[in-house]
């Protein structure tokens, strides 16, 4: 298949593109490489895909030196004209949209960035599919859409009309927009609500990277809500496996689908910290803080839909996943 993967300089997009390329698919990757976090990490991911950062120019394709079927383009989803030209030229078989302005806390200070990337950008994706007859669109939603819901595990049948951050609101908007395009234009759209993804090449604004950096440099880690939190931590390989299953089998009957994609086994924050301490061989100093605005106490994914429809089965234990993350972290940062 010829697949457009957006956000290939990002955490999940990089891993997905690599897996697809390794099995022989043709992948066009795009990313605007913004400075929301360290762009050297983004360039490091691209290097793993055979993309030379020194050759990257705005809106210009760069061929991979490792994967003959991979091309990368520095391109902003919100650029309507460039997105139209890309779709028209490439005629993709499938699209997986993982590019977005990420981060719950950042959205409290920079809401406009989320509307531009997550709303306008996604509209350009939907229009590209409609105008070019692409009937296989999957896209990243988020567990944050569950907002103030109390009952767990979170089910895709739950009401999700009470988001508590602009980020969450944009992700719910994506689902509504996809529903409209499925209904009006017969496009198969599948939204994946990701639950706390972690692993090698992860985002530095997320807990595993923040914790590892602080622990190895002797600084206190910030433990919110006095440590009384839990997350459905999901290892990156399990996430990618689910994404590929969805890409390979677009819905033909019920064109609009939403799935949770997580580990289906929430872990207490203090237990995750303990696993990281074990992997790094060093105890963490801890600064206990109250809950942050826009955050939630716990997440827990009901992934029965993905299991029943695609045979999805996450099987990476927390200690195994954290060990792999810690090994990569030490190697990448030479610690």
C-alpha atoms as a PDB file:
ATOM      1  CA  UNK A   1       0.000   0.000   0.000  1.00  0.00           C
ATOM      2  CA  UNK A   2       0.931   3.614  -0.491  1.00  0.00           C
ATOM      3  CA  UNK A   3       0.263   5.289   2.841  1.00  0.00           C
ATOM      4  CA  UNK A   4       0.403   8.885   4.023  1.00  0.00           C
ATOM      5  CA  UNK A   5       1.540   9.003   7.649  1.00  0.00           C
ATOM      6  CA  UNK A   6       1.402  12.463   9.171  1.00  0.00           C
ATOM      7  CA  UNK A   7       3.588  13.354  12.131  1.00  0.00           C
ATOM      8  CA  UNK A   8       6.503  11.047  11.258  1.00  0.00           C
ATOM      9  CA  UNK A   9       8.954  13.211  13.206  1.00  0.00           C
ATOM     10  CA  UNK A  10       6.717  12.595  16.220  1.00  0.00           C
ATOM     11  CA  UNK A  11       6.720   9.705  18.653  1.00  0.00           C
ATOM     12  CA  UNK A  12       3.935   7.437  17.386  1.00  0.00           C
ATOM     13  CA  UNK A  13       4.193   8.522  13.748  1.00  0.00           C
ATOM     14  CA  UNK A  14       7.885   7.635  13.630  1.00  0.00           C
ATOM     15  CA  UNK A  15       7.337   4.151  15.041  1.00  0.00           C
ATOM     16  CA  UNK A  16       4.379   3.474  12.759  1.00  0.00           C
ATOM     17  CA  UNK A  17       6.230   4.627   9.628  1.00  0.00           C
ATOM     18  CA  UNK A  18       9.235   2.462  10.522  1.00  0.00           C
ATOM     19  CA  UNK A  19       7.097  -0.645  11.007  1.00  0.00           C
ATOM     20  CA  UNK A  20       5.194  -0.088   7.760  1.00  0.00           C
ATOM     21  CA  UNK A  21       8.428   0.451   5.828  1.00  0.00           C
ATOM     22  CA  UNK A  22      10.020  -2.655   7.329  1.00  0.00           C
ATOM     23  CA  UNK A  23       7.169  -4.777   5.998  1.00  0.00           C
ATOM     24  CA  UNK A  24       7.407  -3.230   2.522  1.00  0.00           C
ATOM     25  CA  UNK A  25       4.752  -0.530   2.313  1.00  0.00           C
ATOM     26  CA  UNK A  26       5.418   2.762   0.562  1.00  0.00           C
ATOM     27  CA  UNK A  27       5.242   5.597   3.092  1.00  0.00           C
ATOM     28  CA  UNK A  28       5.075   9.325   2.472  1.00  0.00           C
ATOM     29  CA  UNK A  29       5.758  11.015   5.796  1.00  0.00           C
ATOM     30  CA  UNK A  30       5.045  14.625   6.621  1.00  0.00           C
ATOM     31  CA  UNK A  31       5.697  16.788   9.674  1.00  0.00           C
ATOM     32  CA  UNK A  32       6.089  20.509  10.281  1.00  0.00           C
ATOM     33  CA  UNK A  33       8.889  19.859  12.827  1.00  0.00           C
ATOM     34  CA  UNK A  34       7.677  22.616  15.156  1.00  0.00           C
ATOM     35  CA  UNK A  35       9.572  23.566  18.302  1.00  0.00           C
ATOM     36  CA  UNK A  36       6.947  22.457  20.851  1.00  0.00           C
ATOM     37  CA  UNK A  37       9.772  20.279  22.170  1.00  0.00           C
ATOM     38  CA  UNK A  38      13.426  19.636  21.287  1.00  0.00           C
ATOM     39  CA  UNK A  39      13.665  19.384  17.507  1.00  0.00           C
ATOM     40  CA  UNK A  40      16.914  17.412  17.849  1.00  0.00           C
ATOM     41  CA  UNK A  41      14.821  14.503  19.093  1.00  0.00           C
ATOM     42  CA  UNK A  42      12.569  14.877  16.040  1.00  0.00           C
ATOM     43  CA  UNK A  43      15.579  14.958  13.724  1.00  0.00           C
ATOM     44  CA  UNK A  44      16.941  11.894  15.535  1.00  0.00           C
ATOM     45  CA  UNK A  45      13.777   9.974  14.727  1.00  0.00           C
ATOM     46  CA  UNK A  46      13.937  11.041  11.090  1.00  0.00           C
ATOM     47  CA  UNK A  47      17.560   9.872  10.881  1.00  0.00           C
ATOM     48  CA  UNK A  48      16.380   6.429  11.978  1.00  0.00           C
ATOM     49  CA  UNK A  49      14.116   6.490   8.923  1.00  0.00           C
ATOM     50  CA  UNK A  50      17.042   7.426   6.676  1.00  0.00           C
ATOM     51  CA  UNK A  51      16.152  11.110   6.345  1.00  0.00           C
ATOM     52  CA  UNK A  52      19.148  13.501   6.387  1.00  0.00           C
ATOM     53  CA  UNK A  53      18.141  16.598   8.419  1.00  0.00           C
ATOM     54  CA  UNK A  54      20.549  18.778   6.438  1.00  0.00           C
ATOM     55  CA  UNK A  55      18.526  18.096   3.276  1.00  0.00           C
ATOM     56  CA  UNK A  56      15.169  19.072   4.746  1.00  0.00           C
ATOM     57  CA  UNK A  57      13.582  22.165   3.217  1.00  0.00           C
ATOM     58  CA  UNK A  58      10.044  23.483   3.454  1.00  0.00           C
ATOM     59  CA  UNK A  59       7.631  21.566   1.180  1.00  0.00           C
ATOM     60  CA  UNK A  60      10.444  19.676  -0.583  1.00  0.00           C
ATOM     61  CA  UNK A  61      10.557  15.832  -0.685  1.00  0.00           C
ATOM     62  CA  UNK A  62      13.587  14.075   0.793  1.00  0.00           C
ATOM     63  CA  UNK A  63      14.302  10.443  -0.102  1.00  0.00           C
ATOM     64  CA  UNK A  64      15.350   7.972   2.588  1.00  0.00           C
ATOM     65  CA  UNK A  65      18.846   6.480   2.450  1.00  0.00           C
ATOM     66  CA  UNK A  66      17.623   3.375   4.302  1.00  0.00           C
ATOM     67  CA  UNK A  67      14.142   2.657   2.981  1.00  0.00           C
ATOM     68  CA  UNK A  68      13.734   2.904  -0.824  1.00  0.00           C
ATOM     69  CA  UNK A  69       9.964   3.343  -0.441  1.00  0.00           C
ATOM     70  CA  UNK A  70      10.117   6.267   1.980  1.00  0.00           C
ATOM     71  CA  UNK A  71       9.917   9.988   1.277  1.00  0.00           C
ATOM     72  CA  UNK A  72       9.670  12.740   3.870  1.00  0.00           C
ATOM     73  CA  UNK A  73       8.287  16.245   3.354  1.00  0.00           C
ATOM     74  CA  UNK A  74       8.436  19.095   5.853  1.00  0.00           C
ATOM     75  CA  UNK A  75       4.865  20.276   5.485  1.00  0.00           C
ATOM     76  CA  UNK A  76       2.278  21.860   7.760  1.00  0.00           C
ATOM     77  CA  UNK A  77      -1.149  20.190   7.838  1.00  0.00           C
ATOM     78  CA  UNK A  78      -2.758  23.614   8.071  1.00  0.00           C
ATOM     79  CA  UNK A  79      -1.272  24.666   4.698  1.00  0.00           C
ATOM     80  CA  UNK A  80      -4.344  24.102   2.528  1.00  0.00           C
ATOM     81  CA  UNK A  81      -2.679  24.624  -0.862  1.00  0.00           C
ATOM     82  CA  UNK A  82       0.292  22.360  -0.170  1.00  0.00           C
ATOM     83  CA  UNK A  83      -1.951  19.627   1.267  1.00  0.00           C
ATOM     84  CA  UNK A  84      -4.216  19.735  -1.787  1.00  0.00           C
ATOM     85  CA  UNK A  85      -1.199  19.427  -4.081  1.00  0.00           C
ATOM     86  CA  UNK A  86       0.228  16.523  -2.069  1.00  0.00           C
ATOM     87  CA  UNK A  87      -2.995  14.496  -2.172  1.00  0.00           C
ATOM     88  CA  UNK A  88      -3.512  15.152  -5.858  1.00  0.00           C
ATOM     89  CA  UNK A  89       0.054  14.146  -6.760  1.00  0.00           C
ATOM     90  CA  UNK A  90       0.465  11.032  -4.614  1.00  0.00           C
ATOM     91  CA  UNK A  91      -2.983   9.359  -4.790  1.00  0.00           C
ATOM     92  CA  UNK A  92      -2.642   7.449  -1.517  1.00  0.00           C
ATOM     93  CA  UNK A  93      -4.294   4.116  -0.758  1.00  0.00           C
ATOM     94  CA  UNK A  94      -4.594   4.956   2.924  1.00  0.00           C
ATOM     95  CA  UNK A  95      -4.019   7.865   5.301  1.00  0.00           C
ATOM     96  CA  UNK A  96      -3.077   7.690   8.980  1.00  0.00           C
ATOM     97  CA  UNK A  97      -3.205  11.122  10.608  1.00  0.00           C
ATOM     98  CA  UNK A  98      -1.032  11.248  13.729  1.00  0.00           C
ATOM     99  CA  UNK A  99       0.134  14.851  13.400  1.00  0.00           C
ATOM    100  CA  UNK A 100      -1.328  17.252  15.944  1.00  0.00           C
ATOM    101  CA  UNK A 101      -0.399  19.914  18.413  1.00  0.00           C
ATOM    102  CA  UNK A 102      -0.047  17.718  21.476  1.00  0.00           C
ATOM    103  CA  UNK A 103      -0.075  18.324  25.211  1.00  0.00           C
ATOM    104  CA  UNK A 104      -2.886  19.077  27.647  1.00  0.00           C
ATOM    105  CA  UNK A 105      -1.086  21.632  29.810  1.00  0.00           C
ATOM    106  CA  UNK A 106       0.398  23.531  26.846  1.00  0.00           C
ATOM    107  CA  UNK A 107      -3.118  24.008  25.469  1.00  0.00           C
ATOM    108  CA  UNK A 108      -4.007  26.150  28.479  1.00  0.00           C
ATOM    109  CA  UNK A 109      -1.489  28.771  27.353  1.00  0.00           C
ATOM    110  CA  UNK A 110      -1.534  28.393  23.553  1.00  0.00           C
ATOM    111  CA  UNK A 111      -5.082  27.493  22.459  1.00  0.00           C
ATOM    112  CA  UNK A 112      -4.759  28.988  18.967  1.00  0.00           C
ATOM    113  CA  UNK A 113      -2.013  26.504  18.027  1.00  0.00           C
ATOM    114  CA  UNK A 114      -4.449  23.652  18.687  1.00  0.00           C
ATOM    115  CA  UNK A 115      -7.220  25.069  16.538  1.00  0.00           C
ATOM    116  CA  UNK A 116      -4.860  25.670  13.621  1.00  0.00           C
ATOM    117  CA  UNK A 117      -3.177  22.275  13.687  1.00  0.00           C
ATOM    118  CA  UNK A 118      -5.836  19.966  15.080  1.00  0.00           C
ATOM    119  CA  UNK A 119      -8.944  21.480  13.492  1.00  0.00           C
ATOM    120  CA  UNK A 120      -7.818  23.234  10.309  1.00  0.00           C
ATOM    121  CA  UNK A 121      -5.163  20.588   9.672  1.00  0.00           C
ATOM    122  CA  UNK A 122      -7.633  17.743  10.083  1.00  0.00           C
ATOM    123  CA  UNK A 123     -10.097  19.467   7.769  1.00  0.00           C
ATOM    124  CA  UNK A 124      -7.387  19.480   5.083  1.00  0.00           C
ATOM    125  CA  UNK A 125      -6.892  15.735   5.643  1.00  0.00           C
ATOM    126  CA  UNK A 126     -10.612  15.042   5.292  1.00  0.00           C
ATOM    127  CA  UNK A 127     -10.875  17.162   2.160  1.00  0.00           C
ATOM    128  CA  UNK A 128      -7.837  15.435   0.664  1.00  0.00           C
ATOM    129  CA  UNK A 129      -9.526  12.065   1.176  1.00  0.00           C
ATOM    130  CA  UNK A 130     -12.845  13.291  -0.254  1.00  0.00           C
ATOM    131  CA  UNK A 131     -11.371  14.967  -3.323  1.00  0.00           C
ATOM    132  CA  UNK A 132      -9.152  11.999  -4.199  1.00  0.00           C
ATOM    133  CA  UNK A 133     -11.422   9.044  -3.482  1.00  0.00           C
ATOM    134  CA  UNK A 134      -9.451   7.742  -0.485  1.00  0.00           C
ATOM    135  CA  UNK A 135     -11.631   5.392   1.520  1.00  0.00           C
ATOM    136  CA  UNK A 136      -9.225   4.429   4.297  1.00  0.00           C
ATOM    137  CA  UNK A 137      -8.580   7.106   6.938  1.00  0.00           C
ATOM    138  CA  UNK A 138      -7.414   6.407  10.459  1.00  0.00           C
ATOM    139  CA  UNK A 139      -6.532   9.152  12.893  1.00  0.00           C
ATOM    140  CA  UNK A 140      -5.376   9.836  16.419  1.00  0.00           C
ATOM    141  CA  UNK A 141      -7.950  10.805  18.968  1.00  0.00           C
ATOM    142  CA  UNK A 142      -7.171  10.747  22.694  1.00  0.00           C
ATOM    143  CA  UNK A 143      -8.266   9.387  26.050  1.00  0.00           C
ATOM    144  CA  UNK A 144      -8.531  13.036  27.103  1.00  0.00           C
ATOM    145  CA  UNK A 145     -11.948  13.226  25.399  1.00  0.00           C
ATOM    146  CA  UNK A 146     -13.395  11.380  28.421  1.00  0.00           C
ATOM    147  CA  UNK A 147     -12.789  14.532  30.478  1.00  0.00           C
ATOM    148  CA  UNK A 148     -14.803  14.544  33.688  1.00  0.00           C
ATOM    149  CA  UNK A 149     -16.235  11.034  33.242  1.00  0.00           C
ATOM    150  CA  UNK A 150     -16.104   9.147  36.525  1.00  0.00           C
ATOM    151  CA  UNK A 151     -17.072   5.592  35.593  1.00  0.00           C
ATOM    152  CA  UNK A 152     -14.192   3.366  34.489  1.00  0.00           C
ATOM    153  CA  UNK A 153     -13.030   1.654  32.394  1.00  0.00           C
ATOM    154  CA  UNK A 154     -13.752   4.284  29.771  1.00  0.00           C
ATOM    155  CA  UNK A 155     -15.970   2.900  27.008  1.00  0.00           C
ATOM    156  CA  UNK A 156     -16.430   4.318  23.530  1.00  0.00           C
ATOM    157  CA  UNK A 157     -20.178   4.348  24.246  1.00  0.00           C
ATOM    158  CA  UNK A 158     -19.656   6.841  27.109  1.00  0.00           C
ATOM    159  CA  UNK A 159     -20.726  10.441  26.686  1.00  0.00           C
ATOM    160  CA  UNK A 160     -17.740  12.618  25.852  1.00  0.00           C
ATOM    161  CA  UNK A 161     -19.226  16.092  25.829  1.00  0.00           C
ATOM    162  CA  UNK A 162     -17.390  17.448  28.877  1.00  0.00           C
ATOM    163  CA  UNK A 163     -13.761  18.021  27.823  1.00  0.00           C
ATOM    164  CA  UNK A 164     -11.568  19.858  30.326  1.00  0.00           C
ATOM    165  CA  UNK A 165      -8.893  21.166  27.954  1.00  0.00           C
ATOM    166  CA  UNK A 166      -8.765  22.732  24.504  1.00  0.00           C
ATOM    167  CA  UNK A 167      -6.616  19.779  23.410  1.00  0.00           C
ATOM    168  CA  UNK A 168      -9.388  17.359  24.392  1.00  0.00           C
ATOM    169  CA  UNK A 169     -11.997  19.551  22.711  1.00  0.00           C
ATOM    170  CA  UNK A 170     -10.074  19.495  19.414  1.00  0.00           C
ATOM    171  CA  UNK A 171      -9.790  15.710  19.539  1.00  0.00           C
ATOM    172  CA  UNK A 172     -13.529  15.337  20.104  1.00  0.00           C
ATOM    173  CA  UNK A 173     -14.035  17.779  17.233  1.00  0.00           C
ATOM    174  CA  UNK A 174     -11.976  15.518  14.982  1.00  0.00           C
ATOM    175  CA  UNK A 175     -14.301  12.627  15.758  1.00  0.00           C
ATOM    176  CA  UNK A 176     -17.361  14.731  14.910  1.00  0.00           C
ATOM    177  CA  UNK A 177     -15.790  15.960  11.675  1.00  0.00           C
ATOM    178  CA  UNK A 178     -14.883  12.395  10.685  1.00  0.00           C
ATOM    179  CA  UNK A 179     -18.444  11.258  11.376  1.00  0.00           C
ATOM    180  CA  UNK A 180     -19.770  13.947   9.058  1.00  0.00           C
ATOM    181  CA  UNK A 181     -17.443  12.933   6.223  1.00  0.00           C
ATOM    182  CA  UNK A 182     -18.252   9.250   6.671  1.00  0.00           C
ATOM    183  CA  UNK A 183     -21.974  10.035   6.564  1.00  0.00           C
ATOM    184  CA  UNK A 184     -21.922  12.504   3.685  1.00  0.00           C
ATOM    185  CA  UNK A 185     -19.194  11.095   1.460  1.00  0.00           C
ATOM    186  CA  UNK A 186     -18.961   7.386   2.339  1.00  0.00           C
ATOM    187  CA  UNK A 187     -15.384   7.593   3.638  1.00  0.00           C
ATOM    188  CA  UNK A 188     -14.239   4.871   6.041  1.00  0.00           C
ATOM    189  CA  UNK A 189     -12.860   6.712   9.104  1.00  0.00           C
ATOM    190  CA  UNK A 190     -11.460   5.107  12.237  1.00  0.00           C
ATOM    191  CA  UNK A 191     -10.548   7.164  15.301  1.00  0.00           C
ATOM    192  CA  UNK A 192      -8.159   5.719  17.867  1.00  0.00           C
ATOM    193  CA  UNK A 193      -8.323   7.091  21.395  1.00  0.00           C
ATOM    194  CA  UNK A 194      -4.757   6.643  22.612  1.00  0.00           C
ATOM    195  CA  UNK A 195      -4.057   5.999  26.280  1.00  0.00           C
ATOM    196  CA  UNK A 196      -0.702   7.214  27.743  1.00  0.00           C
ATOM    197  CA  UNK A 197       1.768   5.870  25.200  1.00  0.00           C
ATOM    198  CA  UNK A 198       5.379   5.392  26.308  1.00  0.00           C
ATOM    199  CA  UNK A 199       8.589   3.809  25.069  1.00  0.00           C
ATOM    200  CA  UNK A 200      11.837   4.600  23.200  1.00  0.00           C
ATOM    201  CA  UNK A 201      11.854   7.916  21.309  1.00  0.00           C
ATOM    202  CA  UNK A 202       9.009   9.190  23.506  1.00  0.00           C
ATOM    203  CA  UNK A 203       7.988  12.806  23.952  1.00  0.00           C
ATOM    204  CA  UNK A 204      10.102  14.797  26.438  1.00  0.00           C
ATOM    205  CA  UNK A 205       7.031  16.581  27.829  1.00  0.00           C
ATOM    206  CA  UNK A 206       5.554  13.314  29.087  1.00  0.00           C
ATOM    207  CA  UNK A 207       6.127  11.685  32.461  1.00  0.00           C
ATOM    208  CA  UNK A 208       8.591   8.886  31.523  1.00  0.00           C
ATOM    209  CA  UNK A 209      11.042  11.303  29.874  1.00  0.00           C
ATOM    210  CA  UNK A 210      10.609  13.990  32.552  1.00  0.00           C
ATOM    211  CA  UNK A 211      11.091  11.420  35.296  1.00  0.00           C
ATOM    212  CA  UNK A 212      14.137   9.770  33.716  1.00  0.00           C
ATOM    213  CA  UNK A 213      15.833  13.124  33.136  1.00  0.00           C
ATOM    214  CA  UNK A 214      15.239  14.246  36.719  1.00  0.00           C
ATOM    215  CA  UNK A 215      16.244  10.936  38.314  1.00  0.00           C
ATOM    216  CA  UNK A 216      19.511  10.630  36.392  1.00  0.00           C
ATOM    217  CA  UNK A 217      20.454  14.252  37.120  1.00  0.00           C
ATOM    218  CA  UNK A 218      19.582  14.144  40.810  1.00  0.00           C
ATOM    219  CA  UNK A 219      16.569  16.462  40.614  1.00  0.00           C
ATOM    220  CA  UNK A 220      13.210  15.847  42.243  1.00  0.00           C
ATOM    221  CA  UNK A 221      10.434  14.523  40.032  1.00  0.00           C
ATOM    222  CA  UNK A 222       7.085  16.303  40.208  1.00  0.00           C
ATOM    223  CA  UNK A 223       4.415  13.918  41.471  1.00  0.00           C
ATOM    224  CA  UNK A 224       0.974  15.440  40.976  1.00  0.00           C
ATOM    225  CA  UNK A 225      -2.091  14.835  43.138  1.00  0.00           C
ATOM    226  CA  UNK A 226       0.284  13.626  45.851  1.00  0.00           C
ATOM    227  CA  UNK A 227       0.913  10.503  43.758  1.00  0.00           C
ATOM    228  CA  UNK A 228      -2.726   9.369  43.879  1.00  0.00           C
ATOM    229  CA  UNK A 229      -3.060   8.883  40.125  1.00  0.00           C
ATOM    230  CA  UNK A 230      -3.167   5.994  37.694  1.00  0.00           C
ATOM    231  CA  UNK A 231      -2.704   5.709  33.954  1.00  0.00           C
ATOM    232  CA  UNK A 232      -3.339   3.030  31.365  1.00  0.00           C
ATOM    233  CA  UNK A 233       0.321   3.103  30.303  1.00  0.00           C
ATOM    234  CA  UNK A 234       0.631   1.482  26.857  1.00  0.00           C
ATOM    235  CA  UNK A 235       3.922   0.470  25.271  1.00  0.00           C
ATOM    236  CA  UNK A 236       4.562   1.894  21.803  1.00  0.00           C
ATOM    237  CA  UNK A 237       4.848  -1.493  20.050  1.00  0.00           C
ATOM    238  CA  UNK A 238       1.342  -2.426  21.211  1.00  0.00           C
ATOM    239  CA  UNK A 239       0.012   0.895  19.932  1.00  0.00           C
ATOM    240  CA  UNK A 240       1.647   0.457  16.517  1.00  0.00           C
ATOM    241  CA  UNK A 241       0.275  -3.077  16.257  1.00  0.00           C
ATOM    242  CA  UNK A 242      -3.241  -1.738  16.747  1.00  0.00           C
ATOM    243  CA  UNK A 243      -2.735   1.070  14.234  1.00  0.00           C
ATOM    244  CA  UNK A 244      -1.565  -1.340  11.548  1.00  0.00           C
ATOM    245  CA  UNK A 245      -4.505  -3.682  12.115  1.00  0.00           C
ATOM    246  CA  UNK A 246      -6.852  -0.753  11.522  1.00  0.00           C
ATOM    247  CA  UNK A 247      -4.971   0.444   8.427  1.00  0.00           C
ATOM    248  CA  UNK A 248      -5.046  -3.056   6.929  1.00  0.00           C
ATOM    249  CA  UNK A 249      -8.779  -3.544   7.494  1.00  0.00           C
ATOM    250  CA  UNK A 250     -10.805  -0.361   6.895  1.00  0.00           C
ATOM    251  CA  UNK A 251     -14.446  -0.605   7.908  1.00  0.00           C
ATOM    252  CA  UNK A 252     -16.634  -1.403   4.921  1.00  0.00           C
ATOM    253  CA  UNK A 253     -19.985  -1.761   6.705  1.00  0.00           C
ATOM    254  CA  UNK A 254     -19.984   0.796   9.499  1.00  0.00           C
ATOM    255  CA  UNK A 255     -17.888   3.493   7.888  1.00  0.00           C
ATOM    256  CA  UNK A 256     -17.432   5.529  11.085  1.00  0.00           C
ATOM    257  CA  UNK A 257     -15.716   3.801  14.002  1.00  0.00           C
ATOM    258  CA  UNK A 258     -14.077   4.856  17.258  1.00  0.00           C
ATOM    259  CA  UNK A 259     -11.852   2.565  19.325  1.00  0.00           C
ATOM    260  CA  UNK A 260      -9.947   2.854  22.559  1.00  0.00           C
ATOM    261  CA  UNK A 261      -6.366   1.728  22.184  1.00  0.00           C
ATOM    262  CA  UNK A 262      -4.564   1.118  25.458  1.00  0.00           C
ATOM    263  CA  UNK A 263      -3.142  -1.544  27.713  1.00  0.00           C
ATOM    264  CA  UNK A 264      -6.478  -2.303  29.417  1.00  0.00           C
ATOM    265  CA  UNK A 265      -4.610  -2.421  32.746  1.00  0.00           C
ATOM    266  CA  UNK A 266      -4.142   0.882  34.633  1.00  0.00           C
ATOM    267  CA  UNK A 267      -0.985   1.286  36.691  1.00  0.00           C
ATOM    268  CA  UNK A 268      -0.618   3.408  39.806  1.00  0.00           C
ATOM    269  CA  UNK A 269       1.719   6.336  39.193  1.00  0.00           C
ATOM    270  CA  UNK A 270       3.898   5.346  42.158  1.00  0.00           C
ATOM    271  CA  UNK A 271       4.233   1.814  40.742  1.00  0.00           C
ATOM    272  CA  UNK A 272       5.326   3.234  37.387  1.00  0.00           C
ATOM    273  CA  UNK A 273       7.912   5.389  39.155  1.00  0.00           C
ATOM    274  CA  UNK A 274       9.161   2.311  41.022  1.00  0.00           C
ATOM    275  CA  UNK A 275       9.560   0.390  37.743  1.00  0.00           C
ATOM    276  CA  UNK A 276      11.569   3.297  36.320  1.00  0.00           C
ATOM    277  CA  UNK A 277      13.737   3.439  39.439  1.00  0.00           C
ATOM    278  CA  UNK A 278      14.422  -0.285  39.017  1.00  0.00           C
ATOM    279  CA  UNK A 279      15.382   0.168  35.365  1.00  0.00           C
ATOM    280  CA  UNK A 280      17.651   3.152  36.009  1.00  0.00           C
ATOM    281  CA  UNK A 281      19.135   1.714  39.199  1.00  0.00           C
ATOM    282  CA  UNK A 282      18.530   4.941  41.088  1.00  0.00           C
ATOM    283  CA  UNK A 283      15.869   6.114  43.532  1.00  0.00           C
ATOM    284  CA  UNK A 284      13.919   9.236  42.641  1.00  0.00           C
ATOM    285  CA  UNK A 285      13.676  12.342  44.770  1.00  0.00           C
ATOM    286  CA  UNK A 286      10.014  13.304  44.847  1.00  0.00           C
ATOM    287  CA  UNK A 287       8.183  16.619  45.049  1.00  0.00           C
ATOM    288  CA  UNK A 288       4.518  16.029  45.804  1.00  0.00           C
ATOM    289  CA  UNK A 289       2.153  18.558  44.234  1.00  0.00           C
ATOM    290  CA  UNK A 290      -1.622  19.084  43.862  1.00  0.00           C
ATOM    291  CA  UNK A 291      -3.561  18.124  40.740  1.00  0.00           C
ATOM    292  CA  UNK A 292      -2.861  20.309  37.716  1.00  0.00           C
ATOM    293  CA  UNK A 293      -5.636  22.148  35.818  1.00  0.00           C
ATOM    294  CA  UNK A 294      -6.838  20.144  32.821  1.00  0.00           C
ATOM    295  CA  UNK A 295      -5.542  16.847  34.242  1.00  0.00           C
ATOM    296  CA  UNK A 296      -7.493  13.789  35.401  1.00  0.00           C
ATOM    297  CA  UNK A 297      -6.904  11.407  38.287  1.00  0.00           C
ATOM    298  CA  UNK A 298      -7.035   8.165  36.339  1.00  0.00           C
ATOM    299  CA  UNK A 299      -7.459   6.612  32.901  1.00  0.00           C
ATOM    300  CA  UNK A 300      -8.490   3.043  32.078  1.00  0.00           C
ATOM    301  CA  UNK A 301      -9.303   1.834  28.572  1.00  0.00           C
ATOM    302  CA  UNK A 302     -11.963  -0.677  27.647  1.00  0.00           C
ATOM    303  CA  UNK A 303     -10.353  -2.062  24.480  1.00  0.00           C
ATOM    304  CA  UNK A 304     -12.890  -4.819  23.860  1.00  0.00           C
ATOM    305  CA  UNK A 305     -13.937  -3.245  20.550  1.00  0.00           C
ATOM    306  CA  UNK A 306     -10.441  -3.396  19.118  1.00  0.00           C
ATOM    307  CA  UNK A 307      -9.964  -6.889  20.522  1.00  0.00           C
ATOM    308  CA  UNK A 308     -13.222  -8.212  19.056  1.00  0.00           C
ATOM    309  CA  UNK A 309     -12.935  -6.555  15.642  1.00  0.00           C
ATOM    310  CA  UNK A 310      -9.180  -6.839  15.031  1.00  0.00           C
ATOM    311  CA  UNK A 311      -7.761  -9.366  17.483  1.00  0.00           C
ATOM    312  CA  UNK A 312      -5.824  -6.615  19.256  1.00  0.00           C
ATOM    313  CA  UNK A 313      -3.923  -7.871  22.298  1.00  0.00           C
ATOM    314  CA  UNK A 314      -1.445  -5.641  24.149  1.00  0.00           C
ATOM    315  CA  UNK A 315       1.091  -7.894  25.844  1.00  0.00           C
ATOM    316  CA  UNK A 316       4.031  -5.736  26.988  1.00  0.00           C
ATOM    317  CA  UNK A 317       4.347  -5.642  30.779  1.00  0.00           C
ATOM    318  CA  UNK A 318       5.167  -2.349  32.481  1.00  0.00           C
ATOM    319  CA  UNK A 319       8.591  -3.494  33.695  1.00  0.00           C
ATOM    320  CA  UNK A 320       9.502  -4.874  30.258  1.00  0.00           C
ATOM    321  CA  UNK A 321       8.404  -1.683  28.520  1.00  0.00           C
ATOM    322  CA  UNK A 322      10.108   0.598  31.042  1.00  0.00           C
ATOM    323  CA  UNK A 323      13.328  -1.437  30.742  1.00  0.00           C
ATOM    324  CA  UNK A 324      13.367  -0.895  26.967  1.00  0.00           C
ATOM    325  CA  UNK A 325      12.625   2.792  27.396  1.00  0.00           C
ATOM    326  CA  UNK A 326      15.381   3.252  29.992  1.00  0.00           C
ATOM    327  CA  UNK A 327      17.923   1.409  27.824  1.00  0.00           C
ATOM    328  CA  UNK A 328      17.127   3.682  24.867  1.00  0.00           C
ATOM    329  CA  UNK A 329      17.177   6.799  27.049  1.00  0.00           C
ATOM    330  CA  UNK A 330      20.652   6.115  28.403  1.00  0.00           C
ATOM    331  CA  UNK A 331      21.974   5.380  24.910  1.00  0.00           C
ATOM    332  CA  UNK A 332      20.392   8.394  23.206  1.00  0.00           C
ATOM    333  CA  UNK A 333      21.400  10.900  25.875  1.00  0.00           C
ATOM    334  CA  UNK A 334      24.746   9.192  26.661  1.00  0.00           C
ATOM    335  CA  UNK A 335      23.991   8.864  30.360  1.00  0.00           C
END
